[in-house]
């Protein structure tokens, strides 16, 4: 089993979860994961072992985020708002 398959199994992303992840709120709030990880790793000297708590929170948020938001009303791109 490859590393990619192990990660995919860990996230358990089925069709319903992918649909929820298409919600724009899910996409935008998911962009907070990388800054949280960077902050946790960068501040490890100040926080000590508590930095691992921040890493765990960032990884948990990464898993919860696609499941938290509702399915979008549509996934088609709006090109003309006058119609």
N, C-alpha and C. Protein backbone atom coordinates (compact mmCIF):
# COMPACT_ATOMS: atom_id res chain seq x y z
N UNK A 1 0.85 -1.18 0.00
CA UNK A 1 0.00 0.00 0.00
C UNK A 1 0.89 1.24 0.00
N UNK A 2 0.59 2.16 -0.88
CA UNK A 2 1.39 3.37 -0.99
C UNK A 2 1.00 4.38 0.09
N UNK A 3 1.84 5.36 0.27
CA UNK A 3 1.58 6.41 1.25
C UNK A 3 0.30 7.18 0.90
N UNK A 4 0.09 7.42 -0.40
CA UNK A 4 -1.11 8.14 -0.83
C UNK A 4 -2.38 7.37 -0.47
N UNK A 5 -2.35 6.06 -0.63
CA UNK A 5 -3.51 5.24 -0.27
C UNK A 5 -3.76 5.25 1.23
N UNK A 6 -2.70 5.23 2.02
CA UNK A 6 -2.85 5.28 3.48
C UNK A 6 -3.48 6.61 3.91
N UNK A 7 -3.03 7.70 3.31
CA UNK A 7 -3.58 9.01 3.63
C UNK A 7 -5.04 9.09 3.20
N UNK A 8 -5.36 8.56 2.03
CA UNK A 8 -6.74 8.56 1.55
C UNK A 8 -7.64 7.76 2.48
N UNK A 9 -7.16 6.63 2.98
CA UNK A 9 -7.95 5.84 3.92
C UNK A 9 -8.15 6.59 5.23
N UNK A 10 -7.15 7.33 5.66
CA UNK A 10 -7.24 8.09 6.90
C UNK A 10 -8.31 9.18 6.81
N UNK A 11 -8.39 9.84 5.67
CA UNK A 11 -9.36 10.92 5.51
C UNK A 11 -10.78 10.42 5.21
N UNK A 12 -10.94 9.22 4.70
CA UNK A 12 -12.25 8.62 4.46
C UNK A 12 -13.17 9.55 3.67
N UNK A 13 -12.70 10.01 2.54
CA UNK A 13 -13.47 10.94 1.72
C UNK A 13 -14.35 10.17 0.74
N UNK A 14 -15.64 10.03 1.05
CA UNK A 14 -16.56 9.38 0.13
C UNK A 14 -17.22 10.46 -0.74
N UNK A 15 -18.15 10.05 -1.60
CA UNK A 15 -18.79 11.00 -2.51
C UNK A 15 -19.52 12.12 -1.76
N UNK A 16 -20.21 11.78 -0.67
CA UNK A 16 -20.95 12.79 0.11
C UNK A 16 -19.98 13.81 0.72
N UNK A 17 -18.86 13.34 1.22
CA UNK A 17 -17.88 14.24 1.81
C UNK A 17 -17.28 15.16 0.77
N UNK A 18 -17.01 14.63 -0.43
CA UNK A 18 -16.48 15.47 -1.50
C UNK A 18 -17.50 16.53 -1.91
N UNK A 19 -18.78 16.17 -1.89
CA UNK A 19 -19.82 17.14 -2.23
C UNK A 19 -19.86 18.26 -1.20
N UNK A 20 -19.76 17.91 0.07
CA UNK A 20 -19.73 18.94 1.12
C UNK A 20 -18.49 19.82 0.98
N UNK A 21 -17.39 19.20 0.58
CA UNK A 21 -16.14 19.93 0.44
C UNK A 21 -16.19 20.93 -0.72
N UNK A 22 -17.15 20.78 -1.63
CA UNK A 22 -17.31 21.72 -2.74
C UNK A 22 -17.93 23.04 -2.29
N UNK A 23 -18.42 23.09 -1.07
CA UNK A 23 -18.98 24.33 -0.53
C UNK A 23 -17.86 25.38 -0.45
N UNK A 24 -18.10 26.59 -0.94
CA UNK A 24 -17.05 27.61 -0.90
C UNK A 24 -16.54 27.90 0.52
N UNK A 25 -17.40 27.83 1.52
CA UNK A 25 -16.94 28.05 2.89
C UNK A 25 -15.93 26.99 3.31
N UNK A 26 -16.15 25.77 2.89
CA UNK A 26 -15.20 24.71 3.20
C UNK A 26 -13.85 24.98 2.55
N UNK A 27 -13.89 25.42 1.32
CA UNK A 27 -12.64 25.69 0.60
C UNK A 27 -11.88 26.83 1.26
N UNK A 28 -12.55 27.93 1.53
CA UNK A 28 -11.87 29.09 2.10
C UNK A 28 -11.36 28.83 3.51
N UNK A 29 -12.15 28.17 4.34
CA UNK A 29 -11.70 27.93 5.72
C UNK A 29 -10.64 26.85 5.79
N UNK A 30 -10.56 26.00 4.77
CA UNK A 30 -9.51 24.99 4.74
C UNK A 30 -8.14 25.63 4.54
N UNK A 31 -8.11 26.83 4.00
CA UNK A 31 -6.84 27.54 3.82
C UNK A 31 -6.20 27.95 5.14
N UNK A 32 -6.87 27.74 6.25
CA UNK A 32 -6.30 28.06 7.56
C UNK A 32 -5.40 26.95 8.09
N UNK A 33 -5.45 25.76 7.49
CA UNK A 33 -4.69 24.63 8.01
C UNK A 33 -3.19 24.88 7.92
N UNK A 34 -2.70 25.29 6.79
CA UNK A 34 -1.26 25.49 6.62
C UNK A 34 -0.71 26.57 7.57
N UNK A 35 -1.37 27.75 7.69
CA UNK A 35 -0.86 28.72 8.67
C UNK A 35 -0.85 28.19 10.10
N UNK A 36 -1.86 27.39 10.47
CA UNK A 36 -1.87 26.80 11.81
C UNK A 36 -0.69 25.86 12.02
N UNK A 37 -0.41 25.04 11.02
CA UNK A 37 0.73 24.13 11.12
C UNK A 37 2.05 24.90 11.19
N UNK A 38 2.18 25.92 10.37
CA UNK A 38 3.40 26.72 10.39
C UNK A 38 3.57 27.40 11.75
N UNK A 39 2.48 27.95 12.27
CA UNK A 39 2.54 28.60 13.59
C UNK A 39 2.93 27.61 14.68
N UNK A 40 2.35 26.42 14.64
CA UNK A 40 2.66 25.41 15.66
C UNK A 40 4.12 25.00 15.60
N UNK A 41 4.63 24.79 14.41
CA UNK A 41 6.03 24.36 14.27
C UNK A 41 6.98 25.50 14.59
N UNK A 42 6.65 26.70 14.13
CA UNK A 42 7.51 27.85 14.36
C UNK A 42 7.60 28.21 15.85
N UNK A 43 6.50 28.05 16.59
CA UNK A 43 6.47 28.44 18.00
C UNK A 43 6.78 27.29 18.94
N UNK A 44 7.37 26.21 18.46
CA UNK A 44 7.63 25.06 19.31
C UNK A 44 8.60 25.38 20.44
N UNK A 45 9.50 26.34 20.22
CA UNK A 45 10.46 26.71 21.27
C UNK A 45 9.73 27.40 22.42
N UNK A 46 8.77 28.26 22.10
CA UNK A 46 8.03 28.97 23.14
C UNK A 46 7.01 28.07 23.84
N UNK A 47 6.34 27.24 23.05
CA UNK A 47 5.25 26.43 23.59
C UNK A 47 5.69 25.07 24.10
N UNK A 48 6.84 24.62 23.70
CA UNK A 48 7.31 23.30 24.11
C UNK A 48 6.40 22.22 23.53
N UNK A 49 6.04 21.27 24.38
CA UNK A 49 5.19 20.15 23.94
C UNK A 49 3.79 20.60 23.57
N UNK A 50 3.37 21.78 23.99
CA UNK A 50 2.03 22.28 23.61
C UNK A 50 1.93 22.55 22.11
N UNK A 51 3.06 22.69 21.46
CA UNK A 51 3.01 22.88 20.01
C UNK A 51 2.43 21.64 19.34
N UNK A 52 2.62 20.47 19.91
CA UNK A 52 2.01 19.25 19.36
C UNK A 52 0.49 19.31 19.45
N UNK A 53 -0.02 19.99 20.46
CA UNK A 53 -1.47 20.18 20.57
C UNK A 53 -1.96 21.02 19.39
N UNK A 54 -1.24 22.08 19.04
CA UNK A 54 -1.62 22.90 17.90
C UNK A 54 -1.53 22.12 16.59
N UNK A 55 -0.54 21.27 16.46
CA UNK A 55 -0.43 20.42 15.27
C UNK A 55 -1.64 19.50 15.20
N UNK A 56 -2.01 18.90 16.34
CA UNK A 56 -3.17 18.01 16.38
C UNK A 56 -4.46 18.76 16.03
N UNK A 57 -4.60 19.99 16.51
CA UNK A 57 -5.79 20.80 16.20
C UNK A 57 -5.84 21.09 14.71
N UNK A 58 -4.72 21.44 14.12
CA UNK A 58 -4.68 21.73 12.68
C UNK A 58 -5.03 20.48 11.86
N UNK A 59 -4.50 19.33 12.25
CA UNK A 59 -4.81 18.10 11.53
C UNK A 59 -6.26 17.68 11.73
N UNK A 60 -6.78 17.88 12.93
CA UNK A 60 -8.19 17.58 13.18
C UNK A 60 -9.09 18.51 12.35
N UNK A 61 -8.75 19.77 12.29
CA UNK A 61 -9.51 20.73 11.48
C UNK A 61 -9.46 20.33 10.00
N UNK A 62 -8.31 19.83 9.57
CA UNK A 62 -8.16 19.37 8.20
C UNK A 62 -9.10 18.20 7.90
N UNK A 63 -9.36 17.36 8.88
CA UNK A 63 -10.26 16.22 8.70
C UNK A 63 -11.73 16.64 8.84
N UNK A 64 -12.04 17.52 9.78
CA UNK A 64 -13.42 17.90 10.08
C UNK A 64 -13.98 18.85 9.02
N UNK A 65 -13.15 19.72 8.50
CA UNK A 65 -13.60 20.78 7.60
C UNK A 65 -14.49 20.32 6.46
N UNK A 66 -14.13 19.31 5.68
CA UNK A 66 -15.00 18.93 4.56
C UNK A 66 -16.34 18.36 5.00
N UNK A 67 -16.44 17.93 6.23
CA UNK A 67 -17.67 17.34 6.74
C UNK A 67 -18.57 18.35 7.45
N UNK A 68 -18.02 19.51 7.76
CA UNK A 68 -18.72 20.49 8.58
C UNK A 68 -19.76 21.30 7.82
N UNK A 69 -19.49 21.62 6.60
CA UNK A 69 -20.35 22.53 5.84
C UNK A 69 -21.38 21.77 5.03
N UNK A 70 -22.49 22.42 4.75
CA UNK A 70 -23.57 21.80 3.98
C UNK A 70 -23.19 21.68 2.51
N UNK A 71 -23.91 20.84 1.81
CA UNK A 71 -23.70 20.72 0.37
C UNK A 71 -24.05 22.04 -0.29
N UNK A 72 -23.30 22.45 -1.31
CA UNK A 72 -23.64 23.69 -2.00
C UNK A 72 -24.92 23.52 -2.81
N UNK A 73 -25.62 24.62 -3.02
CA UNK A 73 -26.86 24.57 -3.81
C UNK A 73 -26.56 24.13 -5.24
N UNK A 74 -25.45 24.59 -5.77
CA UNK A 74 -25.05 24.20 -7.12
C UNK A 74 -23.53 24.19 -7.19
N UNK A 75 -23.03 23.40 -8.09
CA UNK A 75 -21.58 23.39 -8.30
C UNK A 75 -21.21 23.97 -9.65
N UNK A 76 -22.22 24.49 -10.35
CA UNK A 76 -21.92 25.10 -11.64
C UNK A 76 -21.43 26.52 -11.44
N UNK A 77 -20.58 26.95 -12.31
CA UNK A 77 -20.00 28.30 -12.22
C UNK A 77 -21.02 29.31 -12.75
N UNK A 78 -21.23 30.36 -12.00
CA UNK A 78 -22.13 31.43 -12.42
C UNK A 78 -21.34 32.36 -13.33
N UNK A 79 -21.79 32.49 -14.57
CA UNK A 79 -21.05 33.33 -15.51
C UNK A 79 -21.78 34.64 -15.81
N UNK A 80 -23.10 34.64 -15.70
CA UNK A 80 -23.87 35.85 -16.00
C UNK A 80 -24.93 36.01 -14.92
N UNK A 81 -24.80 37.07 -14.13
CA UNK A 81 -25.73 37.29 -13.03
C UNK A 81 -27.06 37.89 -13.49
N UNK A 82 -27.15 38.33 -14.73
CA UNK A 82 -28.39 38.96 -15.21
C UNK A 82 -29.43 37.94 -15.66
N UNK A 83 -29.05 36.72 -15.88
CA UNK A 83 -30.01 35.69 -16.33
C UNK A 83 -30.70 35.01 -15.19
